Protein backbone atom coordinates (compact mmCIF):
# COMPACT_ATOMS: atom_id res chain seq x y z
CA MET A 1 0.00 0.00 0.00
CA LYS A 2 2.80 2.41 0.89
CA TYR A 3 4.37 1.81 -2.55
CA ILE A 4 1.07 2.74 -4.21
CA LEU A 5 0.93 5.94 -2.18
CA LEU A 6 4.55 6.70 -3.07
CA ALA A 7 3.82 6.17 -6.77
CA LEU A 8 0.81 8.48 -6.56
CA CYS A 9 2.91 11.16 -4.87
CA ILE A 10 5.54 10.92 -7.61
CA LEU A 11 2.87 11.22 -10.30
CA MET A 12 1.39 14.25 -8.57
CA MET A 13 4.81 15.88 -8.29
CA ASP A 14 5.51 15.20 -11.95
CA SER A 15 2.19 16.80 -12.83
CA VAL A 16 2.97 19.91 -10.77
CA PHE A 17 6.44 20.25 -12.23
CA SER A 18 5.16 19.79 -15.79
CA GLN A 19 2.62 22.57 -15.22
CA ASP A 20 5.40 24.84 -14.00
CA LYS A 21 7.56 24.05 -17.00
CA ASN A 22 5.27 25.07 -19.88
CA ILE A 23 7.58 26.49 -22.53
CA LEU A 24 6.49 29.05 -25.11
CA SER A 25 8.47 29.06 -28.36
CA GLY A 26 8.44 32.06 -30.66
CA TYR A 27 10.38 34.35 -32.93
CA LEU A 28 10.85 38.10 -33.24
CA LYS A 29 10.80 40.01 -36.52
CA ASP A 30 10.75 43.59 -37.72
CA SER A 31 7.12 44.51 -38.49
CA ILE A 32 8.15 46.37 -41.66
CA THR A 33 11.08 44.47 -43.17
CA HIS A 34 10.29 41.09 -41.55
CA GLU A 35 13.98 40.69 -40.75
CA VAL A 36 14.77 38.71 -37.61
CA ILE A 37 15.51 40.59 -34.38
CA PRO A 38 18.42 38.93 -32.54
CA TYR A 39 19.37 39.35 -28.87
CA ALA A 40 16.10 40.99 -27.83
CA SER A 41 14.95 40.53 -24.24
CA ILE A 42 11.73 38.68 -23.48
CA THR A 43 10.52 39.07 -19.89
CA ASN A 44 7.81 37.18 -18.05
CA ILE A 45 6.41 40.04 -15.96
CA SER A 46 4.84 37.63 -13.44
CA THR A 47 8.05 35.72 -12.70
CA ASN A 48 10.52 38.50 -13.60
CA LYS A 49 12.42 35.94 -15.69
CA THR A 50 14.19 37.28 -18.78
CA VAL A 51 15.46 35.31 -21.77
CA LEU A 52 17.04 36.50 -25.00
CA SER A 53 16.25 35.73 -28.62
CA ASN A 54 19.14 34.07 -30.45
CA LYS A 55 20.79 35.32 -33.64
CA LYS A 56 17.85 33.94 -35.64
CA GLY A 57 15.31 35.78 -33.48
CA LEU A 58 14.12 32.56 -31.82
CA PHE A 59 13.30 32.36 -28.11
CA LYS A 60 11.85 30.01 -25.50
CA ILE A 61 10.45 31.05 -22.14
CA ALA A 62 8.58 29.35 -19.29
CA PHE A 63 5.00 30.51 -18.75
CA LYS A 64 1.55 29.87 -17.32
CA GLU A 65 -1.67 30.94 -18.97
CA GLY A 66 -2.70 34.49 -18.10
CA GLN A 67 0.85 35.74 -17.58
CA LEU A 68 2.16 38.79 -19.41
CA LEU A 69 5.29 38.76 -21.56
CA SER A 70 7.11 41.93 -22.59
CA PHE A 71 9.50 42.35 -25.53
CA ALA A 72 12.33 44.88 -25.74
CA ALA A 73 14.89 45.26 -28.51
CA VAL A 74 17.35 47.98 -29.45
CA GLY A 75 15.75 50.37 -31.93
CA TYR A 76 12.21 49.05 -31.45
CA THR A 77 9.10 50.02 -29.51
CA PHE A 78 7.87 47.82 -26.68
CA ASP A 79 5.23 45.16 -27.16
CA THR A 80 3.51 42.72 -24.84
CA ILE A 81 1.40 39.60 -25.10
CA ARG A 82 -0.98 38.07 -22.58
CA ILE A 83 -0.67 34.27 -22.72
CA SER A 84 -4.11 32.96 -23.63
CA GLU A 85 -5.12 29.37 -24.26
CA LYS A 86 -4.99 30.06 -28.00
CA ILE A 87 -1.47 31.49 -27.86
CA SER A 88 -0.17 28.71 -25.61
CA SER A 89 -1.48 26.12 -28.09
CA LEU A 90 0.60 27.52 -30.95
CA GLU A 91 3.73 25.60 -31.87
CA THR A 92 5.59 28.86 -32.56
CA VAL A 93 4.37 32.35 -31.67
CA PRO A 94 5.26 35.13 -34.15
CA VAL A 95 6.00 38.53 -32.62
CA PHE A 96 6.57 41.57 -34.84
CA LEU A 97 8.10 44.68 -33.25
CA LYS A 98 7.69 48.15 -34.68
CA PRO A 99 10.97 49.99 -35.38
CA ILE A 100 11.41 53.36 -33.69
CA THR A 101 11.36 56.31 -36.06
CA ILE A 102 12.66 59.61 -34.71
CA SER A 103 10.29 62.36 -35.83
CA LEU A 104 11.47 65.74 -37.11
CA GLU A 105 9.91 67.34 -34.04
CA THR A 106 11.96 65.13 -31.75
CA VAL A 107 15.15 65.86 -33.66
CA TYR A 108 14.41 69.57 -33.41
CA VAL A 109 13.90 69.36 -29.63
CA ILE A 110 17.19 67.50 -29.27
CA GLY A 111 18.90 70.22 -31.26
CA SER A 112 22.68 70.37 -30.84
CA ILE A 113 22.70 68.39 -27.58
CA LYS A 114 24.51 65.08 -27.98
CA TYR A 115 22.38 62.15 -26.86
CA SER A 116 23.22 58.47 -26.88
CA ALA A 117 21.26 56.11 -29.12
CA TYR A 118 19.46 54.83 -26.03
CA GLN A 119 18.44 58.33 -24.95
CA LYS A 120 17.12 59.22 -28.41
CA ASP A 121 15.04 56.05 -28.60
CA SER A 122 13.87 56.50 -25.01
CA ILE A 123 12.68 60.05 -25.75
CA GLN A 124 10.58 58.75 -28.65
CA ARG A 125 9.22 55.80 -26.63
CA ARG A 126 8.14 58.12 -23.81
CA LYS A 127 6.52 60.49 -26.30
CA ASP A 128 4.54 57.62 -27.84
CA PHE A 129 3.70 56.29 -24.38
CA PHE A 130 2.09 59.48 -23.06
CA GLN A 131 0.26 60.04 -26.34
CA THR A 132 -1.30 56.61 -25.87
CA MET A 133 -2.23 57.42 -22.28
CA SER A 134 -4.25 60.42 -23.45
CA ASP A 135 -6.20 58.31 -25.97
CA HIS A 136 -9.52 57.10 -24.49
CA THR A 137 -11.02 55.49 -27.60
CA GLN A 138 -9.40 52.05 -27.45
CA PRO A 139 -9.94 49.01 -25.22
CA VAL A 140 -7.50 47.95 -22.50
CA PHE A 141 -5.66 45.59 -24.82
CA SER A 142 -5.72 46.16 -28.56
CA ASN A 143 -4.60 43.82 -31.30
CA GLY A 144 -0.86 44.30 -31.46
CA ASN A 145 1.32 44.14 -34.55
CA SER A 146 2.50 40.74 -33.40
CA GLY A 147 -0.44 38.91 -34.96
CA ALA A 148 -0.86 36.35 -32.20
CA GLY A 149 0.24 38.88 -29.60
CA ILE A 150 -1.55 41.63 -27.73
CA GLY A 151 -0.22 45.17 -27.93
CA LEU A 152 0.03 47.19 -24.74
CA ASN A 153 -2.74 49.77 -24.55
CA LEU A 154 -2.92 52.13 -21.58
CA ASP A 155 -6.46 53.50 -21.91
CA HIS A 156 -8.32 51.74 -19.09
CA PHE A 157 -5.27 51.80 -16.87
CA TYR A 158 -5.18 55.57 -17.09
CA ASN A 159 -8.75 55.92 -15.77
CA ARG A 160 -7.79 54.70 -12.31
CA GLU A 161 -4.78 55.81 -10.32
CA LYS A 162 -3.91 52.30 -9.16
CA ARG A 163 -3.93 50.93 -12.70
CA LYS A 164 -2.10 54.01 -13.96
CA ARG A 165 0.71 53.42 -11.46
CA LYS A 166 0.84 49.74 -12.45
CA VAL A 167 1.32 50.56 -16.12
CA LEU A 168 3.86 53.28 -15.39
CA SER A 169 5.78 50.70 -13.36
CA LEU A 170 5.58 48.25 -16.27
CA PHE A 171 6.85 50.92 -18.65
CA ASP A 172 9.79 51.71 -16.35
CA GLN A 173 10.60 48.00 -16.10
CA MET A 174 10.69 47.67 -19.89
CA GLU A 175 12.82 50.81 -20.13
CA GLN A 176 15.30 49.16 -17.78
CA GLU A 177 15.42 46.11 -20.05
CA GLN A 178 16.12 48.42 -22.99
CA TYR A 179 18.93 50.15 -21.09
CA ILE A 180 20.59 46.79 -20.43
CA ASN A 181 20.23 45.87 -24.12
CA TYR A 182 21.95 49.10 -25.18
CA ARG A 183 24.85 48.73 -22.75
CA PHE A 184 25.48 44.96 -22.79
CA THR A 185 25.55 44.37 -26.53
CA PRO A 186 26.60 41.34 -28.61
CA VAL A 187 28.97 43.59 -30.59
CA LEU A 188 30.76 44.73 -27.43
CA ILE A 189 30.98 41.22 -26.00
CA ASN A 190 32.26 39.79 -29.28
CA LYS A 191 34.87 42.56 -29.39
CA TYR A 192 36.41 41.51 -26.07
CA THR A 193 35.74 37.76 -26.09
CA THR A 194 35.53 36.66 -29.77
CA LEU A 195 32.52 34.55 -28.74
CA SER A 196 29.96 34.06 -31.51
CA ASP A 197 26.76 32.22 -32.40
CA ASP A 198 25.52 29.84 -29.68
CA SER A 199 28.42 30.58 -27.30
CA LEU A 200 27.72 34.30 -27.53
CA SER A 201 24.00 33.80 -26.90
CA LEU A 202 24.71 31.56 -23.92
CA PHE A 203 27.18 34.04 -22.41
CA ILE A 204 24.75 36.96 -22.77
CA GLN A 205 21.97 34.88 -21.25
CA GLN A 206 23.97 33.65 -18.27
CA TYR A 207 25.79 36.86 -17.38
CA ARG A 208 23.37 39.62 -18.31
CA PRO A 209 24.06 42.37 -15.72
CA SER A 210 21.32 44.06 -13.73
CA TYR A 211 20.02 47.54 -14.44
CA ASP A 212 21.20 48.77 -11.04
CA TRP A 213 24.73 47.48 -11.63
CA LEU A 214 24.94 49.21 -15.02
CA ARG A 215 23.71 52.49 -13.55
CA LYS A 216 26.52 52.35 -11.00
CA HIS A 217 29.11 51.37 -13.62
CA THR A 218 28.68 53.79 -16.47
CA SER A 219 31.86 53.39 -18.53
CA GLU A 220 32.78 50.86 -21.19
CA GLU A 221 35.86 50.06 -19.09
CA ASP A 222 33.60 48.92 -16.25
CA ILE A 223 31.78 46.56 -18.60
CA THR A 224 35.08 45.32 -20.01
CA TYR A 225 36.26 44.26 -16.56
CA TYR A 226 32.87 42.69 -15.91
CA ILE A 227 33.02 40.71 -19.17
CA ASN A 228 36.54 39.48 -18.45
CA ASP A 229 35.56 38.29 -14.96
CA LYS A 230 32.48 36.48 -16.24
CA LEU A 231 34.40 35.00 -19.16
CA LYS A 232 36.64 33.10 -16.72
CA LEU A 233 33.56 31.62 -15.07
CA PHE A 234 32.04 30.85 -18.47
CA PHE A 235 35.02 28.80 -19.65
CA LYS A 236 35.38 27.17 -16.23
CA ARG A 237 31.80 25.91 -16.44
CA LYS A 238 32.33 24.61 -19.96
CA ASP A 239 35.43 22.69 -18.87
CA ASN A 240 33.61 21.01 -15.97
């Protein structure tokens, strides 16, 4: 009898673990050119787990139905999808991100001040963000440009202070992901490590620095030392 109970416990544990390990597969592409978007960050907002797309734009991330995923890539606007039963049943989820275009008005405001690429894109994202917040004609979630995805719409959130704060917090979180993407780039890592392809993707995934660390270490020299330290660990793990 005790063996039957043990077997039942094992089956129940397997069931729980399998539920926790649902994996969503997808790919990221430019909504205009349909070119792949490599090394973009995909974050499960509920678990705060971030993965990166590989050089072919492919990604895999753990999920549960109802959770929200956000997508951030250098030179692109944010997008999100809410994992529905329909989306979770897809073998591969297509996500198309809209490239950021700097308007003439924005360029004029910037004037002769020298901004980084991140700052320029961030200015445009924030402009688009607050324009959306003032628009009260759309539902909470509109059909995004990702086809199977759901674009972030701030309308209903704006009507109540609590929801407004929640969306502002989400926006700030995605901005932090973008900041990391701009500072910890594949080009920079390849420059100092010569890693490429799968090894490069794995290194970026395993040793992606935090936003707070990058804000405290603002120079390329800081990142260079960081990369060198992590590279020793990376090769040590591969040798074991």
